[in-house]
C-alpha atoms as a PDB file:
ATOM      1  CA  UNK A   1      31.458 127.496  37.789  1.00  0.00           C
ATOM      2  CA  UNK A   2      34.291 128.155  40.979  1.00  0.00           C
ATOM      3  CA  UNK A   3      35.291 125.870  43.065  1.00  0.00           C
ATOM      4  CA  UNK A   4      34.077 126.329  46.532  1.00  0.00           C
ATOM      5  CA  UNK A   5      36.471 125.662  49.214  1.00  0.00           C
ATOM      6  CA  UNK A   6      34.051 124.640  51.595  1.00  0.00           C
ATOM      7  CA  UNK A   7      33.223 121.851  49.494  1.00  0.00           C
ATOM      8  CA  UNK A   8      36.716 120.735  48.942  1.00  0.00           C
ATOM      9  CA  UNK A   9      37.588 120.583  52.364  1.00  0.00           C
ATOM     10  CA  UNK A  10      34.147 118.561  53.061  1.00  0.00           C
ATOM     11  CA  UNK A  11      35.297 116.262  50.291  1.00  0.00           C
ATOM     12  CA  UNK A  12      38.649 115.822  51.513  1.00  0.00           C
ATOM     13  CA  UNK A  13      37.846 115.240  55.308  1.00  0.00           C
ATOM     14  CA  UNK A  14      34.864 112.628  54.562  1.00  0.00           C
ATOM     15  CA  UNK A  15      34.083 110.261  57.152  1.00  0.00           C
ATOM     16  CA  UNK A  16      36.846 111.936  59.691  1.00  0.00           C
ATOM     17  CA  UNK A  17      39.161 109.774  57.777  1.00  0.00           C
ATOM     18  CA  UNK A  18      39.953 111.767  54.688  1.00  0.00           C
ATOM     19  CA  UNK A  19      40.840 111.050  51.153  1.00  0.00           C
ATOM     20  CA  UNK A  20      44.337 111.018  51.591  1.00  0.00           C
ATOM     21  CA  UNK A  21      44.138 108.801  54.514  1.00  0.00           C
ATOM     22  CA  UNK A  22      41.841 106.187  53.056  1.00  0.00           C
ATOM     23  CA  UNK A  23      44.026 106.772  49.948  1.00  0.00           C
ATOM     24  CA  UNK A  24      47.171 105.660  51.112  1.00  0.00           C
ATOM     25  CA  UNK A  25      45.389 102.813  53.535  1.00  0.00           C
ATOM     26  CA  UNK A  26      44.012 101.239  50.465  1.00  0.00           C
ATOM     27  CA  UNK A  27      47.437 101.933  48.797  1.00  0.00           C
ATOM     28  CA  UNK A  28      49.186 100.135  51.216  1.00  0.00           C
ATOM     29  CA  UNK A  29      46.912  97.182  51.595  1.00  0.00           C
ATOM     30  CA  UNK A  30      47.359  96.406  47.812  1.00  0.00           C
ATOM     31  CA  UNK A  31      50.758  97.156  47.798  1.00  0.00           C
ATOM     32  CA  UNK A  32      50.392  99.611  44.742  1.00  0.00           C
ATOM     33  CA  UNK A  33      53.128 101.882  43.529  1.00  0.00           C
ATOM     34  CA  UNK A  34      53.054 103.752  40.367  1.00  0.00           C
ATOM     35  CA  UNK A  35      50.127 104.430  38.240  1.00  0.00           C
ATOM     36  CA  UNK A  36      48.448 101.837  40.222  1.00  0.00           C
ATOM     37  CA  UNK A  37      48.796 104.158  43.260  1.00  0.00           C
ATOM     38  CA  UNK A  38      47.522 107.022  40.981  1.00  0.00           C
ATOM     39  CA  UNK A  39      44.253 104.855  39.854  1.00  0.00           C
ATOM     40  CA  UNK A  40      43.556 103.928  43.476  1.00  0.00           C
ATOM     41  CA  UNK A  41      43.847 107.816  44.230  1.00  0.00           C
ATOM     42  CA  UNK A  42      41.773 108.545  41.175  1.00  0.00           C
ATOM     43  CA  UNK A  43      38.985 106.362  41.998  1.00  0.00           C
ATOM     44  CA  UNK A  44      38.756 107.523  45.990  1.00  0.00           C
ATOM     45  CA  UNK A  45      38.540 110.518  44.763  1.00  0.00           C
ATOM     46  CA  UNK A  46      35.835 110.522  42.626  1.00  0.00           C
ATOM     47  CA  UNK A  47      33.768 108.194  45.183  1.00  0.00           C
ATOM     48  CA  UNK A  48      34.408 110.760  48.064  1.00  0.00           C
ATOM     49  CA  UNK A  49      33.334 113.563  45.534  1.00  0.00           C
ATOM     50  CA  UNK A  50      30.353 111.878  44.423  1.00  0.00           C
ATOM     51  CA  UNK A  51      29.159 110.896  47.726  1.00  0.00           C
ATOM     52  CA  UNK A  52      29.620 114.653  49.056  1.00  0.00           C
ATOM     53  CA  UNK A  53      27.709 116.215  46.214  1.00  0.00           C
ATOM     54  CA  UNK A  54      25.003 113.739  45.927  1.00  0.00           C
ATOM     55  CA  UNK A  55      23.983 113.655  49.694  1.00  0.00           C
ATOM     56  CA  UNK A  56      24.493 117.558  49.558  1.00  0.00           C
ATOM     57  CA  UNK A  57      21.697 117.601  46.834  1.00  0.00           C
ATOM     58  CA  UNK A  58      24.280 119.285  44.448  1.00  0.00           C
ATOM     59  CA  UNK A  59      25.374 116.669  42.160  1.00  0.00           C
ATOM     60  CA  UNK A  60      26.078 117.247  38.541  1.00  0.00           C
ATOM     61  CA  UNK A  61      28.614 116.021  35.949  1.00  0.00           C
ATOM     62  CA  UNK A  62      30.773 118.963  35.652  1.00  0.00           C
ATOM     63  CA  UNK A  63      30.851 119.714  39.141  1.00  0.00           C
ATOM     64  CA  UNK A  64      32.049 116.296  39.634  1.00  0.00           C
ATOM     65  CA  UNK A  65      34.879 116.558  37.165  1.00  0.00           C
ATOM     66  CA  UNK A  66      35.981 119.425  38.789  1.00  0.00           C
ATOM     67  CA  UNK A  67      36.037 118.601  42.126  1.00  0.00           C
ATOM     68  CA  UNK A  68      37.265 114.949  41.565  1.00  0.00           C
ATOM     69  CA  UNK A  69      40.204 116.536  39.605  1.00  0.00           C
ATOM     70  CA  UNK A  70      40.771 119.029  42.676  1.00  0.00           C
ATOM     71  CA  UNK A  71      40.288 116.328  44.977  1.00  0.00           C
ATOM     72  CA  UNK A  72      42.949 114.096  43.235  1.00  0.00           C
ATOM     73  CA  UNK A  73      45.564 116.978  42.937  1.00  0.00           C
ATOM     74  CA  UNK A  74      45.356 117.674  46.973  1.00  0.00           C
ATOM     75  CA  UNK A  75      45.076 114.144  47.696  1.00  0.00           C
ATOM     76  CA  UNK A  76      49.048 113.353  45.764  1.00  0.00           C
ATOM     77  CA  UNK A  77      50.183 116.654  46.773  1.00  0.00           C
ATOM     78  CA  UNK A  78      50.690 117.613  43.253  1.00  0.00           C
ATOM     79  CA  UNK A  79      49.353 121.540  44.562  1.00  0.00           C
ATOM     80  CA  UNK A  80      52.269 121.405  46.268  1.00  0.00           C
ATOM     81  CA  UNK A  81      54.311 121.698  43.348  1.00  0.00           C
ATOM     82  CA  UNK A  82      52.271 124.819  42.251  1.00  0.00           C
ATOM     83  CA  UNK A  83      52.615 126.352  45.507  1.00  0.00           C
ATOM     84  CA  UNK A  84      56.717 125.895  45.796  1.00  0.00           C
ATOM     85  CA  UNK A  85      57.268 127.201  42.455  1.00  0.00           C
ATOM     86  CA  UNK A  86      54.978 130.174  42.346  1.00  0.00           C
END
């Protein structure tokens, strides 16, 4: 299975707010830091991914897991580390 950049972009920009913005709002509201912040980010990433995949009629377990992982990494800026070291 390959990751479609268009699907990833749709998940990241959900509801015009974006996963990153939504995650940050929830983390600040709950004053979460450290592991708690990552748990919130993972939950928001999973919900956003499930929503987009379900509404597009493409929900399956393996794509859900893969897209959730990529959305989580991108929402937390972890992908930037890989880009800087390359």
